[in-house]
C-alpha cells in the first residue's frame, strides 16, 4: 500500500529500519503509558455482590469491569505494601 504522504512511514517500514539497526527514536515520544496485554477470565459472583457492583458502576457512570479492576488493583497494592512492612 502506497503512503498518502511521502514523509509518512508505515509501522512495517519503521520495523524494518529497526531491524537494520537504524535509530528509530524520532518516531516515538515516550509520553504515553505502556499498555500490557490483557487476559480474559470468567468469574462467578454472588448475586448480591454483583447487584452492588452494578449499582456502583451505574452511579459512577462506568462499567462493572472498571470497578472490579480498580478494586482488585487497590487490594493488590495494599497486600504488597503490608507484605513489605514485615
N, C-alpha and C. Protein backbone atom coordinates (compact mmCIF):
# COMPACT_ATOMS: atom_id res chain seq x y z
N UNK A 1 0.85 -1.18 0.00
CA UNK A 1 0.00 0.00 0.00
C UNK A 1 0.89 1.24 0.00
N UNK A 2 0.65 2.14 -0.90
CA UNK A 2 1.48 3.33 -1.03
C UNK A 2 1.07 4.37 0.01
N UNK A 3 2.08 5.05 0.57
CA UNK A 3 1.82 6.10 1.55
C UNK A 3 1.12 7.28 0.91
N UNK A 4 0.18 7.86 1.62
CA UNK A 4 -0.52 9.04 1.12
C UNK A 4 0.43 10.23 1.15
N UNK A 5 1.13 10.38 2.25
CA UNK A 5 2.13 11.44 2.37
C UNK A 5 3.51 10.83 2.22
N UNK A 6 4.37 11.45 1.46
CA UNK A 6 5.68 10.87 1.20
C UNK A 6 6.55 10.82 2.45
N UNK A 7 6.29 11.68 3.44
CA UNK A 7 7.12 11.69 4.64
C UNK A 7 6.53 10.83 5.76
N UNK A 8 5.46 10.10 5.49
CA UNK A 8 4.83 9.23 6.48
C UNK A 8 5.29 7.80 6.24
N UNK A 9 5.79 7.17 7.30
CA UNK A 9 6.22 5.79 7.19
C UNK A 9 5.20 4.88 7.85
N UNK A 10 5.09 3.67 7.34
CA UNK A 10 4.21 2.70 7.95
C UNK A 10 4.94 2.04 9.12
N UNK A 11 4.18 1.35 9.96
CA UNK A 11 4.78 0.62 11.08
C UNK A 11 5.76 -0.43 10.57
N UNK A 12 5.43 -1.08 9.46
CA UNK A 12 6.32 -2.09 8.89
C UNK A 12 7.64 -1.47 8.42
N UNK A 13 7.56 -0.29 7.84
CA UNK A 13 8.78 0.39 7.38
C UNK A 13 9.66 0.78 8.57
N UNK A 14 9.04 1.25 9.63
CA UNK A 14 9.80 1.61 10.83
C UNK A 14 10.41 0.35 11.44
N UNK A 15 9.66 -0.74 11.45
CA UNK A 15 10.18 -2.01 11.98
C UNK A 15 11.39 -2.48 11.17
N UNK A 16 11.33 -2.33 9.86
CA UNK A 16 12.47 -2.72 9.02
C UNK A 16 13.69 -1.87 9.33
N UNK A 17 13.45 -0.57 9.57
CA UNK A 17 14.57 0.31 9.93
C UNK A 17 15.21 -0.17 11.23
N UNK A 18 14.38 -0.54 12.21
CA UNK A 18 14.89 -1.04 13.49
C UNK A 18 15.66 -2.34 13.29
N UNK A 19 15.12 -3.22 12.45
CA UNK A 19 15.80 -4.49 12.16
C UNK A 19 17.16 -4.26 11.52
N UNK A 20 17.28 -3.18 10.77
CA UNK A 20 18.55 -2.84 10.12
C UNK A 20 19.50 -2.08 11.04
N UNK A 21 19.08 -1.88 12.29
CA UNK A 21 19.94 -1.20 13.26
C UNK A 21 19.87 0.31 13.20
N UNK A 22 18.92 0.85 12.47
CA UNK A 22 18.80 2.31 12.38
C UNK A 22 18.13 2.86 13.63
N UNK A 23 18.45 4.11 13.96
CA UNK A 23 17.85 4.78 15.11
C UNK A 23 16.43 5.21 14.74
N UNK A 24 15.45 4.67 15.44
CA UNK A 24 14.05 5.00 15.16
C UNK A 24 13.43 5.81 16.29
N UNK A 25 14.24 6.30 17.20
CA UNK A 25 13.70 7.01 18.37
C UNK A 25 12.92 8.26 17.99
N UNK A 26 13.20 8.85 16.84
CA UNK A 26 12.49 10.06 16.44
C UNK A 26 11.01 9.81 16.17
N UNK A 27 10.64 8.55 16.01
CA UNK A 27 9.24 8.21 15.74
C UNK A 27 8.42 8.03 17.02
N UNK A 28 9.08 8.12 18.19
CA UNK A 28 8.40 7.86 19.46
C UNK A 28 8.59 9.03 20.41
N UNK A 29 7.55 9.36 21.15
CA UNK A 29 7.62 10.49 22.07
C UNK A 29 7.91 10.05 23.50
N UNK A 30 7.69 8.78 23.82
CA UNK A 30 7.86 8.26 25.18
C UNK A 30 7.00 9.00 26.20
N UNK A 31 5.88 9.55 25.77
CA UNK A 31 4.99 10.26 26.69
C UNK A 31 3.78 9.42 27.08
N UNK A 32 3.53 8.36 26.36
CA UNK A 32 2.37 7.52 26.67
C UNK A 32 2.68 6.51 27.75
N UNK A 33 1.68 5.75 28.11
CA UNK A 33 1.89 4.68 29.08
C UNK A 33 1.85 3.35 28.36
N UNK A 34 2.59 2.42 28.89
CA UNK A 34 2.65 1.08 28.31
C UNK A 34 1.34 0.36 28.58
N UNK A 35 0.76 -0.19 27.57
CA UNK A 35 -0.46 -0.97 27.75
C UNK A 35 -0.09 -2.44 27.63
N UNK A 36 -0.27 -3.14 28.72
CA UNK A 36 0.10 -4.55 28.77
C UNK A 36 -1.05 -5.40 28.24
N UNK A 37 -0.72 -6.57 27.70
CA UNK A 37 -1.78 -7.43 27.19
C UNK A 37 -2.73 -7.84 28.31
N UNK A 38 -3.97 -8.04 27.97
CA UNK A 38 -4.95 -8.44 28.98
C UNK A 38 -5.31 -9.91 28.80
N UNK A 39 -5.82 -10.49 29.86
CA UNK A 39 -6.29 -11.88 29.84
C UNK A 39 -7.75 -11.87 30.23
N UNK A 40 -8.51 -12.71 29.59
CA UNK A 40 -9.92 -12.79 29.92
C UNK A 40 -10.14 -13.95 30.88
N UNK A 41 -10.97 -13.70 31.89
CA UNK A 41 -11.34 -14.73 32.85
C UNK A 41 -12.85 -14.68 33.05
N UNK A 42 -13.38 -15.77 33.50
CA UNK A 42 -14.81 -15.80 33.85
C UNK A 42 -14.90 -15.96 35.35
N UNK A 43 -15.61 -15.06 36.00
CA UNK A 43 -15.75 -15.09 37.46
C UNK A 43 -17.23 -15.16 37.80
N UNK A 44 -17.56 -16.04 38.72
CA UNK A 44 -18.93 -16.13 39.22
C UNK A 44 -19.02 -15.34 40.51
N UNK A 45 -19.89 -14.33 40.54
CA UNK A 45 -20.11 -13.51 41.72
C UNK A 45 -21.42 -13.91 42.38
N UNK A 46 -21.47 -13.84 43.70
CA UNK A 46 -22.78 -13.99 44.36
C UNK A 46 -23.71 -12.90 43.84
N UNK A 47 -24.99 -13.23 43.72
CA UNK A 47 -25.96 -12.30 43.15
C UNK A 47 -25.97 -10.94 43.81
N UNK A 48 -25.94 -10.92 45.14
CA UNK A 48 -25.99 -9.64 45.87
C UNK A 48 -24.74 -8.80 45.58
N UNK A 49 -23.58 -9.46 45.51
CA UNK A 49 -22.34 -8.72 45.22
C UNK A 49 -22.40 -8.13 43.82
N UNK A 50 -22.88 -8.91 42.87
CA UNK A 50 -23.00 -8.40 41.50
C UNK A 50 -23.95 -7.21 41.46
N UNK A 51 -25.04 -7.30 42.20
CA UNK A 51 -26.01 -6.20 42.26
C UNK A 51 -25.34 -4.94 42.82
N UNK A 52 -24.53 -5.10 43.87
CA UNK A 52 -23.82 -3.94 44.44
C UNK A 52 -22.85 -3.34 43.43
N UNK A 53 -22.12 -4.20 42.73
CA UNK A 53 -21.18 -3.72 41.71
C UNK A 53 -21.92 -2.98 40.60
N UNK A 54 -23.04 -3.53 40.19
CA UNK A 54 -23.84 -2.92 39.13
C UNK A 54 -24.35 -1.54 39.56
N UNK A 55 -24.84 -1.44 40.79
CA UNK A 55 -25.32 -0.14 41.29
C UNK A 55 -24.20 0.88 41.36
N UNK A 56 -23.04 0.46 41.87
CA UNK A 56 -21.91 1.38 41.96
C UNK A 56 -21.45 1.83 40.58
N UNK A 57 -21.37 0.89 39.65
CA UNK A 57 -20.96 1.23 38.28
C UNK A 57 -21.93 2.22 37.66
N UNK A 58 -23.22 2.01 37.88
CA UNK A 58 -24.23 2.95 37.34
C UNK A 58 -24.07 4.33 37.95
N UNK A 59 -23.85 4.36 39.25
CA UNK A 59 -23.70 5.64 39.95
C UNK A 59 -22.47 6.41 39.45
N UNK A 60 -21.38 5.69 39.17
CA UNK A 60 -20.14 6.32 38.72
C UNK A 60 -20.06 6.47 37.20
N UNK A 61 -21.06 5.95 36.50
CA UNK A 61 -21.10 6.02 35.03
C UNK A 61 -19.90 5.33 34.39
N UNK A 62 -19.56 4.16 34.92
CA UNK A 62 -18.52 3.32 34.33
C UNK A 62 -19.08 1.90 34.24
N UNK A 63 -18.34 1.01 33.59
CA UNK A 63 -18.83 -0.36 33.52
C UNK A 63 -18.34 -1.16 34.73
N UNK A 64 -18.96 -2.31 34.94
CA UNK A 64 -18.63 -3.14 36.10
C UNK A 64 -17.17 -3.58 36.05
N UNK A 65 -16.67 -3.86 34.88
CA UNK A 65 -15.28 -4.29 34.74
C UNK A 65 -14.33 -3.24 35.30
N UNK A 66 -14.60 -1.98 35.05
CA UNK A 66 -13.74 -0.91 35.57
C UNK A 66 -13.74 -0.90 37.09
N UNK A 67 -14.90 -1.13 37.69
CA UNK A 67 -14.99 -1.19 39.15
C UNK A 67 -14.17 -2.35 39.68
N UNK A 68 -14.34 -3.53 39.09
CA UNK A 68 -13.64 -4.72 39.55
C UNK A 68 -12.13 -4.54 39.43
N UNK A 69 -11.67 -4.06 38.29
CA UNK A 69 -10.23 -3.88 38.07
C UNK A 69 -9.66 -2.87 39.07
N UNK A 70 -10.37 -1.77 39.29
CA UNK A 70 -9.90 -0.74 40.22
C UNK A 70 -9.77 -1.30 41.63
N UNK A 71 -10.81 -2.00 42.09
CA UNK A 71 -10.77 -2.54 43.45
C UNK A 71 -9.73 -3.66 43.59
N UNK A 72 -9.57 -4.48 42.59
CA UNK A 72 -8.54 -5.51 42.66
C UNK A 72 -7.14 -4.89 42.70
N UNK A 73 -6.94 -3.83 41.91
CA UNK A 73 -5.64 -3.16 41.92
C UNK A 73 -5.35 -2.58 43.31
N UNK A 74 -6.36 -1.94 43.91
CA UNK A 74 -6.19 -1.39 45.25
C UNK A 74 -5.88 -2.48 46.27
N UNK A 75 -6.58 -3.61 46.17
CA UNK A 75 -6.34 -4.71 47.10
C UNK A 75 -4.94 -5.29 46.93
N UNK A 76 -4.49 -5.45 45.70
CA UNK A 76 -3.14 -5.95 45.47
C UNK A 76 -2.09 -4.97 45.98
N UNK A 77 -2.30 -3.68 45.75
CA UNK A 77 -1.36 -2.68 46.25
C UNK A 77 -1.28 -2.72 47.77
N UNK A 78 -2.42 -2.82 48.45
CA UNK A 78 -2.43 -2.91 49.92
C UNK A 78 -1.71 -4.18 50.38
N UNK A 79 -1.91 -5.27 49.67
CA UNK A 79 -1.25 -6.53 50.01
C UNK A 79 0.27 -6.38 49.93
N UNK A 80 0.76 -5.81 48.84
CA UNK A 80 2.20 -5.67 48.67
C UNK A 80 2.79 -4.68 49.67
N UNK A 81 2.07 -3.61 49.98
CA UNK A 81 2.54 -2.67 51.00
C UNK A 81 2.64 -3.34 52.36
N UNK A 82 1.63 -4.11 52.73
CA UNK A 82 1.64 -4.81 54.02
C UNK A 82 2.75 -5.85 54.04
N UNK A 83 2.96 -6.52 52.95
CA UNK A 83 4.00 -7.56 52.87
C UNK A 83 5.39 -6.94 53.03
N UNK A 84 5.60 -5.77 52.46
CA UNK A 84 6.91 -5.11 52.54
C UNK A 84 7.18 -4.52 53.91
N UNK A 85 6.14 -4.29 54.71
CA UNK A 85 6.33 -3.73 56.06
C UNK A 85 6.83 -4.78 57.04
N UNK A 86 6.61 -6.04 56.74
CA UNK A 86 7.01 -7.10 57.68
C UNK A 86 8.40 -7.59 57.43
